[in-house]
Structure formats: structure tokens, C-alpha cells
C-alpha atoms as a PDB file:
ATOM      1  CA  UNK A   1     -13.098 -13.112  42.008  1.00  0.00           C
ATOM      2  CA  UNK A   2     -15.126 -10.166  40.411  1.00  0.00           C
ATOM      3  CA  UNK A   3     -12.754  -7.449  40.650  1.00  0.00           C
ATOM      4  CA  UNK A   4     -13.177  -5.110  37.943  1.00  0.00           C
ATOM      5  CA  UNK A   5     -11.219  -3.236  35.723  1.00  0.00           C
ATOM      6  CA  UNK A   6     -12.198   0.117  36.977  1.00  0.00           C
ATOM      7  CA  UNK A   7     -11.139  -0.824  40.644  1.00  0.00           C
ATOM      8  CA  UNK A   8      -8.218  -1.609  38.947  1.00  0.00           C
ATOM      9  CA  UNK A   9      -7.710   1.250  37.756  1.00  0.00           C
ATOM     10  CA  UNK A  10      -8.798   3.641  41.174  1.00  0.00           C
ATOM     11  CA  UNK A  11      -6.440   1.543  42.698  1.00  0.00           C
ATOM     12  CA  UNK A  12      -3.429   2.416  40.051  1.00  0.00           C
ATOM     13  CA  UNK A  13      -4.348   5.880  40.787  1.00  0.00           C
ATOM     14  CA  UNK A  14      -4.415   5.990  44.182  1.00  0.00           C
ATOM     15  CA  UNK A  15      -1.615   4.034  44.455  1.00  0.00           C
ATOM     16  CA  UNK A  16       0.742   6.474  42.105  1.00  0.00           C
ATOM     17  CA  UNK A  17      -0.808   9.249  43.964  1.00  0.00           C
ATOM     18  CA  UNK A  18      -0.405   7.971  47.752  1.00  0.00           C
ATOM     19  CA  UNK A  19      -3.548   9.668  48.007  1.00  0.00           C
ATOM     20  CA  UNK A  20      -7.167   9.400  48.216  1.00  0.00           C
ATOM     21  CA  UNK A  21      -7.618  12.653  47.394  1.00  0.00           C
ATOM     22  CA  UNK A  22      -5.095  13.024  44.332  1.00  0.00           C
ATOM     23  CA  UNK A  23      -7.017  10.078  43.161  1.00  0.00           C
ATOM     24  CA  UNK A  24     -10.325  11.759  44.024  1.00  0.00           C
ATOM     25  CA  UNK A  25      -9.249  14.498  42.129  1.00  0.00           C
ATOM     26  CA  UNK A  26      -6.963  12.945  38.787  1.00  0.00           C
ATOM     27  CA  UNK A  27     -10.563  10.525  37.731  1.00  0.00           C
ATOM     28  CA  UNK A  28     -13.032  12.874  38.687  1.00  0.00           C
ATOM     29  CA  UNK A  29     -14.828  10.929  41.514  1.00  0.00           C
ATOM     30  CA  UNK A  30     -15.638  11.936  45.117  1.00  0.00           C
ATOM     31  CA  UNK A  31     -12.915  10.684  47.900  1.00  0.00           C
ATOM     32  CA  UNK A  32     -15.678   8.527  50.079  1.00  0.00           C
ATOM     33  CA  UNK A  33     -16.137   6.620  45.980  1.00  0.00           C
ATOM     34  CA  UNK A  34     -12.536   6.166  46.418  1.00  0.00           C
ATOM     35  CA  UNK A  35     -12.429   4.602  49.604  1.00  0.00           C
ATOM     36  CA  UNK A  36     -15.940   3.151  48.898  1.00  0.00           C
ATOM     37  CA  UNK A  37     -13.729   0.943  46.075  1.00  0.00           C
ATOM     38  CA  UNK A  38     -11.079   0.169  47.682  1.00  0.00           C
ATOM     39  CA  UNK A  39     -12.834  -0.880  50.544  1.00  0.00           C
ATOM     40  CA  UNK A  40     -14.522  -3.205  47.900  1.00  0.00           C
ATOM     41  CA  UNK A  41     -11.913  -4.528  46.204  1.00  0.00           C
ATOM     42  CA  UNK A  42      -9.767  -5.579  49.243  1.00  0.00           C
ATOM     43  CA  UNK A  43     -12.841  -6.715  50.991  1.00  0.00           C
ATOM     44  CA  UNK A  44     -13.060  -9.274  46.809  1.00  0.00           C
ATOM     45  CA  UNK A  45      -9.383  -9.849  47.398  1.00  0.00           C
ATOM     46  CA  UNK A  46      -8.936 -10.985  50.731  1.00  0.00           C
ATOM     47  CA  UNK A  47      -6.109  -8.823  51.829  1.00  0.00           C
ATOM     48  CA  UNK A  48      -5.088  -4.931  53.108  1.00  0.00           C
ATOM     49  CA  UNK A  49      -4.109  -3.194  50.022  1.00  0.00           C
ATOM     50  CA  UNK A  50      -3.388   0.598  51.800  1.00  0.00           C
ATOM     51  CA  UNK A  51      -2.227   1.454  55.457  1.00  0.00           C
ATOM     52  CA  UNK A  52      -3.915   4.737  55.916  1.00  0.00           C
ATOM     53  CA  UNK A  53      -2.248   7.355  57.846  1.00  0.00           C
ATOM     54  CA  UNK A  54      -1.995  11.392  58.464  1.00  0.00           C
ATOM     55  CA  UNK A  55      -0.187  12.165  54.529  1.00  0.00           C
ATOM     56  CA  UNK A  56      -1.716   9.839  52.911  1.00  0.00           C
ATOM     57  CA  UNK A  57      -1.988   5.994  51.533  1.00  0.00           C
ATOM     58  CA  UNK A  58       1.107   3.633  51.881  1.00  0.00           C
ATOM     59  CA  UNK A  59       0.631   0.007  50.352  1.00  0.00           C
ATOM     60  CA  UNK A  60       1.095  -3.091  51.904  1.00  0.00           C
ATOM     61  CA  UNK A  61       3.742  -6.048  51.234  1.00  0.00           C
ATOM     62  CA  UNK A  62       0.718  -7.243  49.549  1.00  0.00           C
ATOM     63  CA  UNK A  63      -0.427  -4.360  47.243  1.00  0.00           C
ATOM     64  CA  UNK A  64       2.688  -3.714  46.045  1.00  0.00           C
ATOM     65  CA  UNK A  65       2.540  -6.608  44.613  1.00  0.00           C
ATOM     66  CA  UNK A  66      -0.358  -5.683  43.024  1.00  0.00           C
ATOM     67  CA  UNK A  67       0.877  -2.344  41.722  1.00  0.00           C
ATOM     68  CA  UNK A  68       3.296  -3.877  40.575  1.00  0.00           C
ATOM     69  CA  UNK A  69       1.515  -5.925  37.800  1.00  0.00           C
ATOM     70  CA  UNK A  70      -1.700  -3.577  37.483  1.00  0.00           C
ATOM     71  CA  UNK A  71       0.564  -0.680  36.705  1.00  0.00           C
ATOM     72  CA  UNK A  72       2.234  -2.899  33.858  1.00  0.00           C
ATOM     73  CA  UNK A  73      -1.467  -3.726  32.804  1.00  0.00           C
ATOM     74  CA  UNK A  74      -3.014   0.168  33.264  1.00  0.00           C
ATOM     75  CA  UNK A  75       0.242   1.597  31.516  1.00  0.00           C
ATOM     76  CA  UNK A  76      -0.243  -0.565  28.724  1.00  0.00           C
ATOM     77  CA  UNK A  77      -3.551  -0.369  28.214  1.00  0.00           C
ATOM     78  CA  UNK A  78      -3.455   3.622  28.255  1.00  0.00           C
ATOM     79  CA  UNK A  79      -0.833   3.674  25.680  1.00  0.00           C
ATOM     80  CA  UNK A  80      -3.094   0.933  23.278  1.00  0.00           C
ATOM     81  CA  UNK A  81      -5.533   3.893  23.535  1.00  0.00           C
ATOM     82  CA  UNK A  82      -3.418   6.835  22.985  1.00  0.00           C
ATOM     83  CA  UNK A  83      -1.482   4.332  19.856  1.00  0.00           C
ATOM     84  CA  UNK A  84      -5.286   3.576  18.452  1.00  0.00           C
ATOM     85  CA  UNK A  85      -6.365   7.178  19.088  1.00  0.00           C
ATOM     86  CA  UNK A  86      -3.210   8.233  16.665  1.00  0.00           C
ATOM     87  CA  UNK A  87      -4.236   5.676  13.776  1.00  0.00           C
ATOM     88  CA  UNK A  88      -8.045   7.238  13.988  1.00  0.00           C
ATOM     89  CA  UNK A  89      -6.333  11.242  13.863  1.00  0.00           C
ATOM     90  CA  UNK A  90      -3.700   9.357  10.826  1.00  0.00           C
ATOM     91  CA  UNK A  91      -0.853  10.565  13.218  1.00  0.00           C
ATOM     92  CA  UNK A  92       0.302   6.974  12.915  1.00  0.00           C
ATOM     93  CA  UNK A  93       0.592   3.942  11.033  1.00  0.00           C
ATOM     94  CA  UNK A  94       2.325   2.294   8.477  1.00  0.00           C
ATOM     95  CA  UNK A  95       0.246   0.816   4.752  1.00  0.00           C
ATOM     96  CA  UNK A  96       2.327  -1.906   2.344  1.00  0.00           C
ATOM     97  CA  UNK A  97       1.947  -0.871  -1.092  1.00  0.00           C
ATOM     98  CA  UNK A  98       2.476  -2.557  -4.535  1.00  0.00           C
ATOM     99  CA  UNK A  99       3.010  -0.645  -7.925  1.00  0.00           C
ATOM    100  CA  UNK A 100       5.500  -1.601 -10.706  1.00  0.00           C
ATOM    101  CA  UNK A 101       8.583   0.694 -12.195  1.00  0.00           C
ATOM    102  CA  UNK A 102       5.418   2.064 -14.114  1.00  0.00           C
ATOM    103  CA  UNK A 103       3.090   2.784 -11.877  1.00  0.00           C
ATOM    104  CA  UNK A 104       5.593   4.646  -9.557  1.00  0.00           C
ATOM    105  CA  UNK A 105       6.628   6.712 -12.206  1.00  0.00           C
ATOM    106  CA  UNK A 106       4.430   7.347 -14.792  1.00  0.00           C
ATOM    107  CA  UNK A 107       1.166   7.675 -12.704  1.00  0.00           C
ATOM    108  CA  UNK A 108       1.362   7.263  -8.976  1.00  0.00           C
ATOM    109  CA  UNK A 109       4.325   9.705  -7.497  1.00  0.00           C
ATOM    110  CA  UNK A 110       1.207  12.566  -7.516  1.00  0.00           C
ATOM    111  CA  UNK A 111      -0.963  10.322  -5.427  1.00  0.00           C
ATOM    112  CA  UNK A 112       1.858   9.100  -3.110  1.00  0.00           C
ATOM    113  CA  UNK A 113       2.953  12.985  -2.964  1.00  0.00           C
ATOM    114  CA  UNK A 114      -1.163  13.924  -2.167  1.00  0.00           C
ATOM    115  CA  UNK A 115      -1.129  11.527   0.835  1.00  0.00           C
ATOM    116  CA  UNK A 116       1.614  12.768   2.682  1.00  0.00           C
ATOM    117  CA  UNK A 117       1.540  15.825   2.681  1.00  0.00           C
ATOM    118  CA  UNK A 118      -2.327  15.605   4.481  1.00  0.00           C
ATOM    119  CA  UNK A 119      -0.911  12.338   6.725  1.00  0.00           C
ATOM    120  CA  UNK A 120       2.735  13.030   6.766  1.00  0.00           C
ATOM    121  CA  UNK A 121       2.879  10.824   9.571  1.00  0.00           C
ATOM    122  CA  UNK A 122       2.313   7.618   7.989  1.00  0.00           C
ATOM    123  CA  UNK A 123       4.842   5.585   7.379  1.00  0.00           C
ATOM    124  CA  UNK A 124       4.355   3.911   3.265  1.00  0.00           C
ATOM    125  CA  UNK A 125       5.708   0.735   2.376  1.00  0.00           C
ATOM    126  CA  UNK A 126       6.368   0.263  -1.147  1.00  0.00           C
ATOM    127  CA  UNK A 127       7.108  -3.602  -2.498  1.00  0.00           C
ATOM    128  CA  UNK A 128       8.397  -2.895  -6.489  1.00  0.00           C
ATOM    129  CA  UNK A 129       8.398  -6.627  -7.451  1.00  0.00           C
ATOM    130  CA  UNK A 130       6.949  -8.206 -10.480  1.00  0.00           C
ATOM    131  CA  UNK A 131       3.345  -7.792 -10.639  1.00  0.00           C
ATOM    132  CA  UNK A 132       2.613 -11.256 -10.340  1.00  0.00           C
ATOM    133  CA  UNK A 133       4.240 -11.557  -7.428  1.00  0.00           C
ATOM    134  CA  UNK A 134       2.543  -8.426  -6.173  1.00  0.00           C
ATOM    135  CA  UNK A 135      -1.122 -10.171  -6.706  1.00  0.00           C
ATOM    136  CA  UNK A 136       0.713 -13.059  -4.489  1.00  0.00           C
ATOM    137  CA  UNK A 137       1.230 -10.905  -2.355  1.00  0.00           C
ATOM    138  CA  UNK A 138      -1.778  -9.312  -1.733  1.00  0.00           C
ATOM    139  CA  UNK A 139      -3.709 -12.380  -2.061  1.00  0.00           C
ATOM    140  CA  UNK A 140      -1.776 -13.114   1.394  1.00  0.00           C
ATOM    141  CA  UNK A 141      -2.462 -10.080   3.424  1.00  0.00           C
ATOM    142  CA  UNK A 142       1.023  -9.509   3.117  1.00  0.00           C
ATOM    143  CA  UNK A 143       0.560  -6.307   1.341  1.00  0.00           C
ATOM    144  CA  UNK A 144      -2.832  -3.673   1.598  1.00  0.00           C
ATOM    145  CA  UNK A 145      -3.260  -2.825  -1.586  1.00  0.00           C
ATOM    146  CA  UNK A 146      -1.310  -2.312  -5.346  1.00  0.00           C
ATOM    147  CA  UNK A 147      -1.615   0.023  -7.986  1.00  0.00           C
ATOM    148  CA  UNK A 148      -0.456  -2.158 -10.798  1.00  0.00           C
ATOM    149  CA  UNK A 149      -1.042  -2.493 -14.843  1.00  0.00           C
ATOM    150  CA  UNK A 150      -3.396  -4.985 -15.566  1.00  0.00           C
ATOM    151  CA  UNK A 151      -4.898  -6.131 -18.854  1.00  0.00           C
ATOM    152  CA  UNK A 152      -8.026  -4.304 -19.825  1.00  0.00           C
ATOM    153  CA  UNK A 153     -10.618  -6.395 -17.809  1.00  0.00           C
ATOM    154  CA  UNK A 154      -8.967  -8.511 -15.178  1.00  0.00           C
ATOM    155  CA  UNK A 155     -10.704 -10.138 -13.433  1.00  0.00           C
ATOM    156  CA  UNK A 156      -9.975 -12.776 -10.045  1.00  0.00           C
ATOM    157  CA  UNK A 157     -12.895 -13.975  -7.544  1.00  0.00           C
ATOM    158  CA  UNK A 158     -10.631 -12.912  -4.982  1.00  0.00           C
ATOM    159  CA  UNK A 159      -9.964  -9.304  -5.788  1.00  0.00           C
ATOM    160  CA  UNK A 160     -11.322  -6.332  -5.701  1.00  0.00           C
ATOM    161  CA  UNK A 161      -9.781  -4.367  -8.960  1.00  0.00           C
ATOM    162  CA  UNK A 162     -10.589  -0.885  -9.629  1.00  0.00           C
ATOM    163  CA  UNK A 163      -9.831   0.384 -13.438  1.00  0.00           C
ATOM    164  CA  UNK A 164      -8.054   3.804 -12.907  1.00  0.00           C
ATOM    165  CA  UNK A 165      -7.312   4.305 -16.182  1.00  0.00           C
ATOM    166  CA  UNK A 166      -6.683   2.431 -19.452  1.00  0.00           C
ATOM    167  CA  UNK A 167      -3.813   2.699 -21.836  1.00  0.00           C
ATOM    168  CA  UNK A 168      -2.574   1.645 -25.265  1.00  0.00           C
ATOM    169  CA  UNK A 169       0.075  -0.179 -26.255  1.00  0.00           C
ATOM    170  CA  UNK A 170       1.664   0.885 -29.824  1.00  0.00           C
ATOM    171  CA  UNK A 171       4.289  -0.815 -31.960  1.00  0.00           C
ATOM    172  CA  UNK A 172       7.666   1.497 -32.908  1.00  0.00           C
ATOM    173  CA  UNK A 173      10.851   1.381 -34.647  1.00  0.00           C
ATOM    174  CA  UNK A 174      13.810   3.311 -35.269  1.00  0.00           C
ATOM    175  CA  UNK A 175      14.668   5.429 -38.295  1.00  0.00           C
ATOM    176  CA  UNK A 176      17.091   2.751 -39.317  1.00  0.00           C
ATOM    177  CA  UNK A 177      13.946   1.136 -40.276  1.00  0.00           C
ATOM    178  CA  UNK A 178      12.164   3.371 -42.314  1.00  0.00           C
ATOM    179  CA  UNK A 179      11.054   0.903 -44.890  1.00  0.00           C
ATOM    180  CA  UNK A 180       8.840   0.124 -42.151  1.00  0.00           C
ATOM    181  CA  UNK A 181       7.472   3.424 -42.055  1.00  0.00           C
ATOM    182  CA  UNK A 182       4.173   3.440 -45.260  1.00  0.00           C
ATOM    183  CA  UNK A 183       3.188   0.207 -45.613  1.00  0.00           C
ATOM    184  CA  UNK A 184       1.253  -2.325 -42.790  1.00  0.00           C
ATOM    185  CA  UNK A 185       3.082  -5.085 -41.114  1.00  0.00           C
ATOM    186  CA  UNK A 186       2.344  -8.264 -39.606  1.00  0.00           C
ATOM    187  CA  UNK A 187       2.938  -9.910 -37.067  1.00  0.00           C
ATOM    188  CA  UNK A 188       4.565 -12.211 -38.598  1.00  0.00           C
ATOM    189  CA  UNK A 189       6.220 -10.279 -40.563  1.00  0.00           C
ATOM    190  CA  UNK A 190       8.114  -8.478 -37.370  1.00  0.00           C
ATOM    191  CA  UNK A 191       9.313 -11.607 -36.311  1.00  0.00           C
ATOM    192  CA  UNK A 192      12.507 -11.373 -39.241  1.00  0.00           C
ATOM    193  CA  UNK A 193      13.139  -7.886 -37.316  1.00  0.00           C
ATOM    194  CA  UNK A 194      15.215  -7.786 -33.985  1.00  0.00           C
ATOM    195  CA  UNK A 195      12.043  -6.742 -30.880  1.00  0.00           C
ATOM    196  CA  UNK A 196      12.958  -5.762 -28.247  1.00  0.00           C
ATOM    197  CA  UNK A 197      10.728  -6.496 -24.773  1.00  0.00           C
ATOM    198  CA  UNK A 198      10.184  -6.038 -21.186  1.00  0.00           C
ATOM    199  CA  UNK A 199      11.656  -9.330 -19.436  1.00  0.00           C
ATOM    200  CA  UNK A 200      10.512 -12.582 -18.673  1.00  0.00           C
ATOM    201  CA  UNK A 201       7.711 -12.500 -15.122  1.00  0.00           C
ATOM    202  CA  UNK A 202       6.669  -9.349 -16.260  1.00  0.00           C
ATOM    203  CA  UNK A 203       3.148  -8.411 -16.815  1.00  0.00           C
ATOM    204  CA  UNK A 204       4.329  -6.996 -19.863  1.00  0.00           C
ATOM    205  CA  UNK A 205       5.641  -9.420 -20.842  1.00  0.00           C
ATOM    206  CA  UNK A 206       3.877 -11.794 -20.556  1.00  0.00           C
ATOM    207  CA  UNK A 207       0.924  -8.998 -22.212  1.00  0.00           C
ATOM    208  CA  UNK A 208       3.128  -9.080 -25.975  1.00  0.00           C
ATOM    209  CA  UNK A 209       3.568 -13.367 -25.732  1.00  0.00           C
ATOM    210  CA  UNK A 210      -0.273 -14.153 -25.388  1.00  0.00           C
ATOM    211  CA  UNK A 211      -0.557 -11.673 -28.738  1.00  0.00           C
ATOM    212  CA  UNK A 212       1.826 -13.242 -30.630  1.00  0.00           C
ATOM    213  CA  UNK A 213       1.165 -17.294 -29.079  1.00  0.00           C
ATOM    214  CA  UNK A 214      -2.585 -16.106 -30.382  1.00  0.00           C
ATOM    215  CA  UNK A 215      -0.958 -15.639 -33.932  1.00  0.00           C
ATOM    216  CA  UNK A 216       0.806 -19.178 -33.980  1.00  0.00           C
ATOM    217  CA  UNK A 217       4.311 -17.057 -33.260  1.00  0.00           C
ATOM    218  CA  UNK A 218       6.704 -17.687 -30.919  1.00  0.00           C
ATOM    219  CA  UNK A 219       7.789 -14.778 -29.838  1.00  0.00           C
ATOM    220  CA  UNK A 220      11.835 -14.722 -29.135  1.00  0.00           C
ATOM    221  CA  UNK A 221      13.602 -11.362 -27.711  1.00  0.00           C
ATOM    222  CA  UNK A 222      16.838 -10.034 -29.102  1.00  0.00           C
ATOM    223  CA  UNK A 223      17.228  -7.419 -26.458  1.00  0.00           C
ATOM    224  CA  UNK A 224      15.251  -8.214 -22.703  1.00  0.00           C
ATOM    225  CA  UNK A 225      14.921  -4.987 -20.670  1.00  0.00           C
ATOM    226  CA  UNK A 226      14.015  -4.599 -16.335  1.00  0.00           C
ATOM    227  CA  UNK A 227      11.975  -1.249 -16.853  1.00  0.00           C
ATOM    228  CA  UNK A 228       9.511  -0.115 -19.691  1.00  0.00           C
ATOM    229  CA  UNK A 229      11.281   3.531 -19.817  1.00  0.00           C
ATOM    230  CA  UNK A 230      14.327   2.313 -21.696  1.00  0.00           C
ATOM    231  CA  UNK A 231      12.659   0.578 -24.661  1.00  0.00           C
ATOM    232  CA  UNK A 232      12.203   3.385 -25.855  1.00  0.00           C
ATOM    233  CA  UNK A 233      15.854   4.937 -25.750  1.00  0.00           C
ATOM    234  CA  UNK A 234      16.845   1.525 -27.355  1.00  0.00           C
ATOM    235  CA  UNK A 235      14.296   1.966 -30.021  1.00  0.00           C
ATOM    236  CA  UNK A 236      16.184   5.434 -30.731  1.00  0.00           C
ATOM    237  CA  UNK A 237      19.320   3.555 -31.681  1.00  0.00           C
ATOM    238  CA  UNK A 238      17.928   1.702 -33.390  1.00  0.00           C
ATOM    239  CA  UNK A 239      18.423  -1.554 -31.835  1.00  0.00           C
ATOM    240  CA  UNK A 240      14.608  -2.892 -32.400  1.00  0.00           C
ATOM    241  CA  UNK A 241      11.231  -3.461 -32.645  1.00  0.00           C
ATOM    242  CA  UNK A 242       9.595  -2.186 -29.083  1.00  0.00           C
ATOM    243  CA  UNK A 243       6.224  -2.679 -28.393  1.00  0.00           C
ATOM    244  CA  UNK A 244       5.314   1.053 -25.533  1.00  0.00           C
ATOM    245  CA  UNK A 245       2.913   2.449 -23.662  1.00  0.00           C
ATOM    246  CA  UNK A 246       1.958   5.408 -26.706  1.00  0.00           C
ATOM    247  CA  UNK A 247       2.531   8.238 -23.923  1.00  0.00           C
ATOM    248  CA  UNK A 248       5.674   6.816 -23.945  1.00  0.00           C
ATOM    249  CA  UNK A 249       6.594   6.740 -26.981  1.00  0.00           C
ATOM    250  CA  UNK A 250       5.378  10.898 -27.721  1.00  0.00           C
ATOM    251  CA  UNK A 251       7.911  13.035 -27.184  1.00  0.00           C
ATOM    252  CA  UNK A 252      10.535  11.039 -29.689  1.00  0.00           C
ATOM    253  CA  UNK A 253       7.981  10.616 -32.215  1.00  0.00           C
ATOM    254  CA  UNK A 254       6.794  13.639 -32.208  1.00  0.00           C
ATOM    255  CA  UNK A 255      10.755  14.687 -33.118  1.00  0.00           C
ATOM    256  CA  UNK A 256      10.641  11.801 -35.871  1.00  0.00           C
ATOM    257  CA  UNK A 257      13.498  10.280 -33.657  1.00  0.00           C
ATOM    258  CA  UNK A 258      11.067   7.164 -33.865  1.00  0.00           C
ATOM    259  CA  UNK A 259       7.948   6.306 -36.010  1.00  0.00           C
ATOM    260  CA  UNK A 260       5.011   3.777 -34.990  1.00  0.00           C
ATOM    261  CA  UNK A 261       3.920   1.028 -36.862  1.00  0.00           C
ATOM    262  CA  UNK A 262       1.101   0.610 -38.443  1.00  0.00           C
ATOM    263  CA  UNK A 263      -0.156  -3.269 -37.374  1.00  0.00           C
ATOM    264  CA  UNK A 264      -2.690  -5.349 -38.848  1.00  0.00           C
ATOM    265  CA  UNK A 265      -3.119  -6.985 -35.370  1.00  0.00           C
ATOM    266  CA  UNK A 266      -5.077  -5.486 -33.027  1.00  0.00           C
ATOM    267  CA  UNK A 267      -2.869  -4.581 -29.139  1.00  0.00           C
ATOM    268  CA  UNK A 268      -5.419  -4.651 -26.257  1.00  0.00           C
ATOM    269  CA  UNK A 269      -6.001  -2.169 -23.501  1.00  0.00           C
ATOM    270  CA  UNK A 270      -4.085  -1.913 -20.475  1.00  0.00           C
ATOM    271  CA  UNK A 271      -4.782  -0.714 -17.250  1.00  0.00           C
ATOM    272  CA  UNK A 272      -3.750   0.428 -14.206  1.00  0.00           C
ATOM    273  CA  UNK A 273      -5.896  -1.253 -11.506  1.00  0.00           C
ATOM    274  CA  UNK A 274      -6.284  -0.351  -7.928  1.00  0.00           C
ATOM    275  CA  UNK A 275      -6.117  -3.749  -6.792  1.00  0.00           C
ATOM    276  CA  UNK A 276      -7.045  -5.394  -2.731  1.00  0.00           C
ATOM    277  CA  UNK A 277      -7.683  -8.252  -1.146  1.00  0.00           C
ATOM    278  CA  UNK A 278     -11.591  -8.819  -1.041  1.00  0.00           C
ATOM    279  CA  UNK A 279     -13.442  -8.987   2.438  1.00  0.00           C
ATOM    280  CA  UNK A 280      -9.861  -8.042   3.915  1.00  0.00           C
ATOM    281  CA  UNK A 281      -9.660  -5.831   6.875  1.00  0.00           C
ATOM    282  CA  UNK A 282      -8.097  -2.650   6.037  1.00  0.00           C
ATOM    283  CA  UNK A 283      -6.228   0.228   8.584  1.00  0.00           C
ATOM    284  CA  UNK A 284      -7.912   3.631   8.379  1.00  0.00           C
ATOM    285  CA  UNK A 285      -4.731   4.424   7.273  1.00  0.00           C
ATOM    286  CA  UNK A 286      -5.030   2.014   4.288  1.00  0.00           C
ATOM    287  CA  UNK A 287      -9.067   3.394   3.915  1.00  0.00           C
ATOM    288  CA  UNK A 288      -7.302   6.402   3.511  1.00  0.00           C
ATOM    289  CA  UNK A 289      -4.867   5.572   0.976  1.00  0.00           C
ATOM    290  CA  UNK A 290      -7.413   4.172  -1.048  1.00  0.00           C
ATOM    291  CA  UNK A 291      -9.764   6.555  -1.455  1.00  0.00           C
ATOM    292  CA  UNK A 292      -7.287   9.581  -2.802  1.00  0.00           C
ATOM    293  CA  UNK A 293      -6.216   7.222  -5.064  1.00  0.00           C
ATOM    294  CA  UNK A 294     -10.125   6.773  -6.051  1.00  0.00           C
ATOM    295  CA  UNK A 295     -10.329  10.203  -6.197  1.00  0.00           C
ATOM    296  CA  UNK A 296      -8.574   9.919  -9.962  1.00  0.00           C
ATOM    297  CA  UNK A 297     -11.001  12.016 -12.369  1.00  0.00           C
ATOM    298  CA  UNK A 298      -7.782  13.478 -14.379  1.00  0.00           C
ATOM    299  CA  UNK A 299      -5.819  10.544 -13.659  1.00  0.00           C
ATOM    300  CA  UNK A 300      -2.937   9.817 -16.852  1.00  0.00           C
ATOM    301  CA  UNK A 301      -0.164   7.682 -17.665  1.00  0.00           C
ATOM    302  CA  UNK A 302       2.293  10.626 -18.398  1.00  0.00           C
ATOM    303  CA  UNK A 303       5.684  10.519 -20.681  1.00  0.00           C
ATOM    304  CA  UNK A 304       9.016   9.431 -19.250  1.00  0.00           C
ATOM    305  CA  UNK A 305      10.861  12.073 -17.521  1.00  0.00           C
END
């Protein structure tokens, strides 16, 4: 049996309108074309599908059974075509994005706003877990992409990583530690002071731990925090020595609520990166979002509010 979809489409439209004339008009063909298609279809299926009358056509019992199945198929196909049209025009769709609290609060919001203004119908699902967890989700195709803080030069064969903006972390202290203001100080000296850091499992904690380990020191924070935004207020209140992106400390430094330590060791730069899985087919909506992020000629890491 080799009935084509076009033939089923003619059958469906004719049965729906109960008229060969109406079907011809809807499908932009002639009435003889419709009649010939139905006749050929009846021959191929081996049964009569329509009874012709003066007022139009009526389905036979066999025709009704066929119509019940064909109607579902045709309507689902046309619904799928309509969905595809909406997806192509970015009038419909959903993307899953990974973003840490730092990138959300101090980098990503203007890009999300720009994207939503242009494509208001696209739904965004934002995963705000730890960077290691989000990298795993990208590898496992659970996220379309991530805008993540990574060590400068971080690479993985499985991931495409595009650097958007680099930033520098600095060590800061409150005014109760003024004896440190005018001297060069080593990490070894700092371990005798209370240290404030991000909690274990975060990329920021791992970065700080790596620095201490490289100098044969053990990092033992006195205070561990869930968000980077809390480090400067903790330092302002003289609760310990903190390590934060320079932009985050700018206002407090300007007001002399804190001061920057003159470390002997170098703290490596970090980067905010666009991360996606190599070879993963991306939806039109996801590609448009990544294009929006890639257009970042004036990208900066902003100060906390």
C-alpha cells in the first residue's frame, strides 16, 4: 500500500468540509484533481470512502474509521509545522542556562534584559547551583549553556569555552587590621589571621585553596559564605581577611572602610566565560541567546548594589 500523505491530506480536507468543491478551494486545486485523487485512493485502499450526493459527499463507515485516524495525524502534523514556524521566528521556545550568583548579579542581567526585550515569548530556565555542578549539567546536555566564573585559561576538550571578561581578585582587610596596611605580606603571614572565604564546593573556594596549596599552606577559613556579595560586608565589620574581585571592593576602598593588602604572592586572574558542549545541537532560541552574550564588546564586572 503506497498512499501518499498528500492523498490523505486531500481525503481529510474533503471529509472535513463534506464537499469536493470546498476542498478544491481550500487546497487551491481543481475539483477534478480532488475527485481523481480520492478515486485513486479508494482503488489503492480497496474500499469506497465517500458517497457522492447533490449536496456534497458523505463518509462511508470505512471512510469514518479512516478519518478518525487521519484527522489526528493531519492535525498533529500541522500543529508541529506551526510550532516550528513559531520556533524559527523565536515566538516560542525555552532555553536552560547555568549562571552562578556572581555572573547573575554582576554581569548577566543586562544581557537577559536585552534578550527578553527582543524575544519576550522565550522562556528562560536558570540553574543557579555551584560551578562544578553546572559544568556537569552542560556535559550531560541538561543545560544549553552556562555563563560561569572559571580560572583564566581553563579548558576542557568536551566543552567550548569563550572568555567574556577577565577580572582580578584582591585580598582585603578592615580597619582593625591597619598594621597590615603599609607592609608587604605573604600568605604564610595571613594564616595567623581569620580568613573569610566562599564555602567548599564553589569554584571561588577551590581557587583560593589552590593558591594556598601551591605555597604549601593549608586553607582553614574561619567563616565560609554562600555568596561573594557577603565577603566585603564581613570585612568591613572586621571579621577577617577576604578575597574578592577588585570591582566588588571598589566602593568600600574608596570610602576607606577597607584596604587592599599588598600580597607577595600573585593571585591568578579569573574569567567569566560562555560555556557550551562541543557538538551539541542548539535550538534557534539558544543560539540567539549565545549570540547576545557573544556581543559583549563593552562587557565589565559591575559593583554589587
